[in-house]
């Protein structure tokens, strides 16, 4: 909470206006890039009440700053940056609650959708090959520097699953001894599994010969039609080897999500250019968690892929790399330090803010992280 307020203060009050820091010691606590993770538990953090007063003071100063004036383009950029950054951390905080087994936040309601179409069967969708413009267009509006800019790539024909891998599908891998079979794992994946003594998926519980799962502080029967969640890229790749499948490349994922073969044009979202809404995508924590992969047909791509935006982040088989002629944005530490180091995820999850996500947005996490709301879909071959 303090870091979110500090980020807003730093980029709006200090960067735009040149004001002095409200609390000089906060740079040594909340500057996420320059404060090592291992030292964060040893800081003399302010109390919760002091933190809230600081956050409220920053927010008040930032809103009063715009009173009676027309925002400049620079204003718009940094206010949007601060708002999107806060949205990222509300998602992270929800992930922390799930990781630690805390109760569901009382303001969140659980999924109240009608049952899914039981006749719908996940299937492969054929995507033709050819040139594709990967990345965001300069006319898009606010985008992060790692999305800049659209450039041609050649994509071979491929077939991609219409839905993410479900928990029922993943349970077959688990029950077949997938976590103990060396042949399914990469070298780094196997070393991670052994070092961490991982024998089953995160938050899964074996009860009476069948699987249950922990959802915040409650253990419930495994929701078999929900997308597999809380897997890292090692686990995703191991499942793919078991199933004789593979992860899509980043270009394949984006083409499947965005390309309209009828017009030869890209879409902002899988369904078109209209803003996300609850009928098309599970975003903004409006349903309290993941939902059945068969739901929300209104959000399908033109080729028939479902839920490529929302529900769970999806791992792709590429590390974060700069696009041609990359130039770092004002927040230079956002992308560049991680090029070549962290694998990419696409599509957002149920806790992602709708104003953040689009077909070109690139998320990235260290490869062993599995307490994020991440799943995957697969490709044939």
Protein backbone atom coordinates (compact mmCIF):
# COMPACT_ATOMS: atom_id res chain seq x y z
CA UNK A 1 0.00 0.00 0.00
CA UNK A 2 2.84 2.35 0.81
CA UNK A 3 4.63 1.50 -2.42
CA UNK A 4 1.54 2.32 -4.50
CA UNK A 5 1.29 5.74 -2.85
CA UNK A 6 5.03 6.34 -3.22
CA UNK A 7 4.91 5.49 -6.93
CA UNK A 8 2.09 7.96 -7.44
CA UNK A 9 3.93 10.66 -5.49
CA UNK A 10 7.19 10.02 -7.32
CA UNK A 11 5.85 10.25 -10.88
CA UNK A 12 3.18 12.92 -10.45
CA UNK A 13 4.20 15.25 -7.64
CA UNK A 14 7.97 14.88 -7.80
CA UNK A 15 8.62 14.07 -11.47
CA UNK A 16 6.03 16.38 -13.05
CA UNK A 17 6.18 19.23 -10.53
CA UNK A 18 9.64 18.89 -9.02
CA UNK A 19 8.29 18.86 -5.47
CA UNK A 20 10.48 17.52 -2.65
CA UNK A 21 9.72 14.10 -1.23
CA UNK A 22 6.99 14.05 1.40
CA UNK A 23 9.06 11.59 3.44
CA UNK A 24 12.69 11.26 2.42
CA UNK A 25 13.12 7.90 4.16
CA UNK A 26 10.41 6.34 1.97
CA UNK A 27 12.75 6.14 -1.03
CA UNK A 28 14.75 3.56 0.92
CA UNK A 29 11.62 1.52 1.64
CA UNK A 30 9.28 1.75 -1.34
CA UNK A 31 11.50 2.18 -4.41
CA UNK A 32 10.85 -1.33 -5.73
CA UNK A 33 13.66 -1.36 -8.26
CA UNK A 34 16.45 -0.07 -6.03
CA UNK A 35 15.52 -1.78 -2.74
CA UNK A 36 16.59 -5.47 -2.77
CA UNK A 37 13.84 -7.97 -2.04
CA UNK A 38 15.87 -9.66 0.67
CA UNK A 39 16.06 -6.43 2.68
CA UNK A 40 12.36 -5.62 2.59
CA UNK A 41 11.50 -7.47 5.78
CA UNK A 42 14.04 -5.45 7.77
CA UNK A 43 12.72 -1.94 7.14
CA UNK A 44 11.17 0.22 9.81
CA UNK A 45 7.82 0.43 8.07
CA UNK A 46 5.29 3.06 9.15
CA UNK A 47 2.15 1.80 10.86
CA UNK A 48 -0.98 0.98 8.91
CA UNK A 49 -2.59 4.24 10.07
CA UNK A 50 0.47 6.25 9.01
CA UNK A 51 0.54 4.46 5.67
CA UNK A 52 -3.12 5.26 5.02
CA UNK A 53 -2.59 8.91 5.93
CA UNK A 54 0.34 9.06 3.52
CA UNK A 55 -1.67 7.42 0.70
CA UNK A 56 -4.66 9.70 1.29
CA UNK A 57 -2.40 12.76 1.31
CA UNK A 58 -0.77 11.79 -1.97
CA UNK A 59 -4.11 11.06 -3.62
CA UNK A 60 -5.54 14.37 -2.41
CA UNK A 61 -2.54 16.31 -3.73
CA UNK A 62 -2.71 14.54 -7.10
CA UNK A 63 -6.42 15.23 -7.57
CA UNK A 64 -6.17 18.88 -6.41
CA UNK A 65 -3.32 19.33 -8.87
CA UNK A 66 -5.78 18.85 -11.77
CA UNK A 67 -8.47 21.12 -10.36
CA UNK A 68 -9.38 23.92 -12.76
CA UNK A 69 -6.87 22.99 -15.45
CA UNK A 70 -6.76 20.98 -18.64
CA UNK A 71 -4.37 18.05 -18.27
CA UNK A 72 -1.38 18.08 -20.60
CA UNK A 73 -0.42 14.98 -22.57
CA UNK A 74 2.37 14.46 -20.04
CA UNK A 75 -0.17 14.69 -17.21
CA UNK A 76 -2.36 12.11 -18.91
CA UNK A 77 0.54 9.70 -19.39
CA UNK A 78 1.71 9.73 -15.76
CA UNK A 79 -1.77 9.69 -14.21
CA UNK A 80 -2.58 6.67 -16.39
CA UNK A 81 0.73 5.05 -15.41
CA UNK A 82 -0.05 5.53 -11.72
CA UNK A 83 -3.60 4.18 -12.08
CA UNK A 84 -2.49 1.09 -13.99
CA UNK A 85 0.33 0.47 -11.52
CA UNK A 86 -2.18 0.56 -8.66
CA UNK A 87 -4.36 -1.94 -10.53
CA UNK A 88 -1.40 -4.31 -10.86
CA UNK A 89 -0.88 -4.21 -7.11
CA UNK A 90 -4.53 -4.79 -6.22
CA UNK A 91 -4.20 -7.99 -8.26
CA UNK A 92 -0.99 -8.83 -6.38
CA UNK A 93 -2.66 -8.24 -3.02
CA UNK A 94 -5.46 -10.64 -3.94
CA UNK A 95 -2.79 -13.18 -4.88
CA UNK A 96 -1.17 -12.71 -1.49
CA UNK A 97 -4.48 -13.47 0.24
CA UNK A 98 -4.84 -16.67 -1.79
CA UNK A 99 -1.21 -17.67 -1.21
CA UNK A 100 -1.46 -17.25 2.55
CA UNK A 101 -4.92 -18.80 2.87
CA UNK A 102 -6.61 -15.63 4.08
CA UNK A 103 -10.36 -15.23 3.77
CA UNK A 104 -11.92 -13.99 0.56
CA UNK A 105 -12.25 -10.20 0.81
CA UNK A 106 -15.80 -9.57 2.04
CA UNK A 107 -16.58 -7.19 -0.82
CA UNK A 108 -16.00 -9.90 -3.43
CA UNK A 109 -18.92 -12.01 -4.53
CA UNK A 110 -18.45 -15.46 -5.94
CA UNK A 111 -19.33 -16.53 -9.48
CA UNK A 112 -23.07 -16.23 -10.08
CA UNK A 113 -23.10 -17.10 -13.78
CA UNK A 114 -25.56 -19.57 -15.21
CA UNK A 115 -24.18 -23.08 -15.83
CA UNK A 116 -21.96 -23.49 -18.85
CA UNK A 117 -23.09 -25.09 -22.08
CA UNK A 118 -22.48 -28.75 -21.33
CA UNK A 119 -22.49 -29.52 -25.05
CA UNK A 120 -19.42 -27.36 -25.69
CA UNK A 121 -16.25 -29.38 -26.13
CA UNK A 122 -12.80 -27.76 -26.07
CA UNK A 123 -11.12 -28.32 -29.41
CA UNK A 124 -8.24 -27.17 -31.56
CA UNK A 125 -8.61 -24.06 -33.70
CA UNK A 126 -6.64 -23.86 -36.94
CA UNK A 127 -4.82 -20.55 -37.47
CA UNK A 128 -3.45 -19.94 -40.99
CA UNK A 129 0.17 -18.94 -41.41
CA UNK A 130 1.54 -15.75 -42.88
CA UNK A 131 2.85 -12.35 -41.91
CA UNK A 132 1.51 -10.80 -38.72
CA UNK A 133 2.15 -7.39 -37.14
CA UNK A 134 3.21 -8.26 -33.59
CA UNK A 135 2.85 -5.52 -30.98
CA UNK A 136 0.87 -2.34 -30.39
CA UNK A 137 0.14 0.26 -33.03
CA UNK A 138 1.22 3.88 -32.35
CA UNK A 139 -2.45 4.92 -32.50
CA UNK A 140 -3.41 2.57 -29.64
CA UNK A 141 -3.20 5.09 -26.79
CA UNK A 142 -1.36 4.30 -23.56
CA UNK A 143 0.88 1.25 -23.89
CA UNK A 144 3.95 0.09 -22.01
CA UNK A 145 7.35 0.31 -23.64
CA UNK A 146 7.70 -3.44 -24.20
CA UNK A 147 4.63 -3.36 -26.49
CA UNK A 148 6.21 -0.78 -28.82
CA UNK A 149 5.78 -1.11 -31.74
CA UNK A 150 3.97 -3.39 -34.18
CA UNK A 151 6.44 -5.08 -36.51
CA UNK A 152 6.11 -7.89 -39.06
CA UNK A 153 6.79 -11.47 -38.05
CA UNK A 154 6.20 -14.63 -40.04
CA UNK A 155 3.98 -17.20 -38.35
CA UNK A 156 3.66 -20.74 -39.66
CA UNK A 157 0.20 -22.39 -39.65
CA UNK A 158 -0.66 -23.86 -36.24
CA UNK A 159 -3.50 -25.30 -34.19
CA UNK A 160 -4.24 -23.91 -30.74
CA UNK A 161 -6.65 -25.09 -28.06
CA UNK A 162 -9.92 -23.20 -27.91
CA UNK A 163 -9.70 -23.00 -24.10
CA UNK A 164 -7.02 -23.04 -21.42
CA UNK A 165 -6.06 -26.40 -19.94
CA UNK A 166 -8.62 -27.33 -17.28
CA UNK A 167 -8.03 -28.70 -13.82
CA UNK A 168 -9.59 -31.98 -14.93
CA UNK A 169 -7.06 -32.27 -17.75
CA UNK A 170 -4.17 -31.36 -15.47
CA UNK A 171 -5.32 -33.86 -12.84
CA UNK A 172 -4.73 -36.65 -15.37
CA UNK A 173 -1.10 -35.59 -15.56
CA UNK A 174 -0.87 -35.49 -11.76
CA UNK A 175 -2.56 -38.87 -11.27
CA UNK A 176 -0.28 -40.43 -13.90
CA UNK A 177 2.68 -39.56 -11.69
CA UNK A 178 3.66 -36.53 -13.71
CA UNK A 179 5.42 -34.82 -10.83
CA UNK A 180 7.72 -37.81 -10.30
CA UNK A 181 8.43 -38.67 -13.95
CA UNK A 182 11.75 -37.10 -14.95
CA UNK A 183 11.02 -37.50 -18.68
CA UNK A 184 8.36 -34.78 -18.61
CA UNK A 185 10.54 -32.10 -17.09
CA UNK A 186 13.22 -29.80 -18.40
CA UNK A 187 16.54 -29.71 -16.56
CA UNK A 188 15.74 -26.43 -14.74
CA UNK A 189 12.19 -27.63 -14.07
CA UNK A 190 13.31 -30.89 -12.52
CA UNK A 191 15.89 -29.11 -10.37
CA UNK A 192 13.21 -26.66 -9.16
CA UNK A 193 10.79 -29.50 -8.37
CA UNK A 194 13.36 -31.46 -6.37
CA UNK A 195 14.77 -28.46 -4.53
CA UNK A 196 11.32 -27.24 -3.51
CA UNK A 197 10.05 -30.81 -2.90
CA UNK A 198 7.02 -30.17 -5.09
CA UNK A 199 4.82 -33.24 -5.51
CA UNK A 200 1.49 -31.72 -6.59
CA UNK A 201 -0.08 -28.47 -7.76
CA UNK A 202 -0.16 -25.43 -5.52
CA UNK A 203 -3.21 -25.30 -3.19
CA UNK A 204 -4.40 -28.80 -4.18
CA UNK A 205 -5.42 -31.11 -1.34
CA UNK A 206 -5.83 -34.90 -1.49
CA UNK A 207 -8.98 -35.94 0.34
CA UNK A 208 -10.39 -39.47 0.38
CA UNK A 209 -8.74 -40.50 -2.87
CA UNK A 210 -9.82 -37.43 -4.84
CA UNK A 211 -8.54 -33.91 -5.27
CA UNK A 212 -9.85 -30.78 -3.59
CA UNK A 213 -8.44 -27.29 -3.76
CA UNK A 214 -7.99 -24.40 -1.38
CA UNK A 215 -9.73 -21.22 -2.48
CA UNK A 216 -8.59 -18.50 -0.11
CA UNK A 217 -9.35 -20.03 3.31
CA UNK A 218 -11.83 -22.72 2.19
CA UNK A 219 -11.17 -26.19 0.80
CA UNK A 220 -13.66 -27.13 -1.93
CA UNK A 221 -13.97 -30.06 -4.36
CA UNK A 222 -11.75 -29.59 -7.39
CA UNK A 223 -13.57 -27.38 -9.90
CA UNK A 224 -12.83 -29.57 -12.87
CA UNK A 225 -14.01 -27.23 -15.64
CA UNK A 226 -12.13 -24.24 -14.28
CA UNK A 227 -8.81 -23.39 -15.91
CA UNK A 228 -5.68 -24.74 -14.32
CA UNK A 229 -4.30 -21.97 -12.14
CA UNK A 230 -1.21 -21.36 -9.99
CA UNK A 231 1.21 -23.19 -12.26
CA UNK A 232 4.65 -21.94 -13.18
CA UNK A 233 6.17 -22.36 -16.60
CA UNK A 234 8.04 -25.50 -15.51
CA UNK A 235 4.75 -27.22 -14.70
CA UNK A 236 3.10 -25.96 -17.88
CA UNK A 237 5.92 -27.36 -20.01
CA UNK A 238 5.91 -30.67 -18.14
CA UNK A 239 2.19 -31.08 -18.83
CA UNK A 240 2.77 -30.30 -22.50
CA UNK A 241 5.36 -33.07 -22.78
CA UNK A 242 2.98 -35.48 -21.06
CA UNK A 243 0.15 -34.54 -23.45
CA UNK A 244 2.34 -34.39 -26.58
CA UNK A 245 1.46 -30.72 -26.92
CA UNK A 246 3.41 -27.48 -26.65
CA UNK A 247 2.99 -23.92 -25.45
CA UNK A 248 2.23 -21.32 -28.13
CA UNK A 249 4.90 -18.81 -29.00
CA UNK A 250 4.16 -15.22 -28.13
CA UNK A 251 3.48 -14.39 -31.79
CA UNK A 252 1.15 -17.39 -32.13
CA UNK A 253 -0.78 -16.44 -29.02
CA UNK A 254 -1.26 -12.84 -30.13
CA UNK A 255 -2.23 -13.80 -33.67
CA UNK A 256 -4.80 -16.29 -32.36
CA UNK A 257 -6.22 -13.63 -30.05
CA UNK A 258 -6.16 -10.62 -32.33
CA UNK A 259 -6.18 -11.53 -36.01
CA UNK A 260 -9.45 -11.49 -37.94
CA UNK A 261 -9.02 -13.68 -41.04
CA UNK A 262 -12.18 -12.22 -42.61
CA UNK A 263 -10.69 -8.73 -42.75
CA UNK A 264 -6.97 -9.40 -42.37
CA UNK A 265 -6.90 -6.87 -39.52
CA UNK A 266 -5.97 -6.94 -35.84
CA UNK A 267 -8.47 -6.49 -33.05
CA UNK A 268 -7.80 -4.70 -29.78
CA UNK A 269 -9.52 -7.53 -27.89
CA UNK A 270 -10.39 -11.06 -28.99
CA UNK A 271 -14.01 -10.09 -29.78
CA UNK A 272 -13.26 -6.77 -31.47
CA UNK A 273 -12.49 -3.20 -30.47
CA UNK A 274 -15.29 -2.67 -27.94
CA UNK A 275 -14.20 -2.22 -24.33
CA UNK A 276 -14.31 -5.33 -22.09
CA UNK A 277 -17.53 -6.09 -20.25
CA UNK A 278 -18.63 -8.98 -18.00
CA UNK A 279 -20.40 -10.76 -20.88
CA UNK A 280 -17.12 -11.07 -22.78
CA UNK A 281 -14.33 -11.40 -20.22
CA UNK A 282 -13.79 -12.37 -16.59
CA UNK A 283 -11.86 -9.30 -15.36
CA UNK A 284 -11.93 -6.76 -12.51
CA UNK A 285 -12.71 -9.44 -9.88
CA UNK A 286 -16.37 -9.07 -10.78
CA UNK A 287 -16.92 -12.81 -10.21
CA UNK A 288 -14.55 -13.31 -7.31
CA UNK A 289 -12.35 -15.90 -9.01
CA UNK A 290 -11.95 -18.15 -12.03
CA UNK A 291 -14.93 -19.47 -13.97
CA UNK A 292 -15.72 -22.47 -16.18
CA UNK A 293 -13.70 -22.36 -19.42
CA UNK A 294 -16.86 -23.02 -21.46
CA UNK A 295 -18.46 -19.73 -20.42
CA UNK A 296 -18.51 -16.32 -22.15
CA UNK A 297 -18.90 -17.26 -25.84
CA UNK A 298 -19.47 -13.55 -26.59
CA UNK A 299 -15.77 -13.06 -25.96
CA UNK A 300 -14.62 -15.59 -28.57
CA UNK A 301 -12.05 -14.68 -31.17
CA UNK A 302 -13.06 -14.66 -34.83
CA UNK A 303 -11.46 -18.12 -35.11
CA UNK A 304 -13.28 -19.55 -32.09
CA UNK A 305 -10.79 -19.35 -29.21
CA UNK A 306 -12.45 -18.65 -25.86
CA UNK A 307 -11.35 -16.61 -22.83
CA UNK A 308 -8.07 -15.37 -24.28
CA UNK A 309 -8.63 -12.25 -22.20
CA UNK A 310 -9.37 -12.75 -18.50
CA UNK A 311 -9.87 -15.76 -16.21
CA UNK A 312 -6.16 -16.80 -16.02
CA UNK A 313 -2.90 -15.43 -17.35
CA UNK A 314 -1.43 -17.76 -19.99
CA UNK A 315 2.24 -18.70 -20.25
CA UNK A 316 3.80 -18.58 -23.71
CA UNK A 317 7.00 -20.19 -24.88
CA UNK A 318 9.11 -17.04 -25.09
CA UNK A 319 11.13 -14.88 -22.77
CA UNK A 320 10.56 -11.16 -22.67
CA UNK A 321 12.66 -9.52 -25.37
CA UNK A 322 12.59 -6.00 -26.80
CA UNK A 323 10.80 -5.35 -30.06
CA UNK A 324 12.86 -3.78 -32.88
CA UNK A 325 14.05 -0.21 -32.23
CA UNK A 326 13.04 -0.47 -28.57
CA UNK A 327 13.23 2.72 -26.53
CA UNK A 328 12.64 2.62 -22.79
CA UNK A 329 9.76 4.68 -21.46
CA UNK A 330 10.07 7.23 -18.66
CA UNK A 331 9.82 4.36 -16.16
CA UNK A 332 13.00 2.87 -17.61
CA UNK A 333 13.18 0.04 -15.08
CA UNK A 334 9.81 -1.41 -16.07
CA UNK A 335 10.98 -3.72 -18.87
CA UNK A 336 14.62 -3.39 -19.87
CA UNK A 337 16.23 -5.03 -16.78
CA UNK A 338 14.21 -8.21 -17.44
CA UNK A 339 14.85 -8.72 -21.14
CA UNK A 340 16.00 -12.25 -21.78
CA UNK A 341 15.38 -13.27 -18.18
CA UNK A 342 11.65 -13.74 -17.54
CA UNK A 343 9.07 -15.73 -19.55
CA UNK A 344 6.01 -13.95 -20.87
CA UNK A 345 2.35 -14.32 -19.94
CA UNK A 346 -0.55 -12.99 -21.97
CA UNK A 347 -4.25 -12.24 -21.58
CA UNK A 348 -4.84 -11.16 -17.99
CA UNK A 349 -6.77 -12.98 -15.27
CA UNK A 350 -9.98 -12.55 -13.30
CA UNK A 351 -8.25 -10.01 -11.02
CA UNK A 352 -6.71 -7.94 -13.82
CA UNK A 353 -8.11 -4.46 -14.39
CA UNK A 354 -9.91 -4.18 -17.71
CA UNK A 355 -8.30 -0.81 -18.44
CA UNK A 356 -4.88 -2.50 -18.34
CA UNK A 357 -5.36 -5.51 -20.59
CA UNK A 358 -5.48 -5.92 -24.36
CA UNK A 359 -4.29 -8.42 -26.95
CA UNK A 360 -0.82 -6.82 -27.06
CA UNK A 361 -0.16 -6.47 -23.30
CA UNK A 362 2.91 -8.42 -22.13
CA UNK A 363 3.24 -9.61 -18.54
CA UNK A 364 6.33 -11.40 -17.26
CA UNK A 365 7.33 -13.29 -14.13
CA UNK A 366 10.30 -15.32 -12.98
CA UNK A 367 9.87 -18.89 -14.19
CA UNK A 368 9.45 -20.61 -10.82
CA UNK A 369 6.58 -18.38 -9.60
CA UNK A 370 3.35 -20.35 -9.29
CA UNK A 371 1.39 -18.36 -6.71
CA UNK A 372 0.17 -16.01 -9.45
CA UNK A 373 -3.16 -16.50 -11.22
CA UNK A 374 -1.49 -18.17 -14.19
CA UNK A 375 -2.50 -21.08 -16.39
CA UNK A 376 -1.87 -21.93 -20.03
CA UNK A 377 -3.34 -23.21 -23.26
CA UNK A 378 -1.58 -25.56 -25.62
CA UNK A 379 -0.84 -26.03 -29.30
CA UNK A 380 -0.76 -29.22 -31.35
CA UNK A 381 2.67 -30.53 -32.21
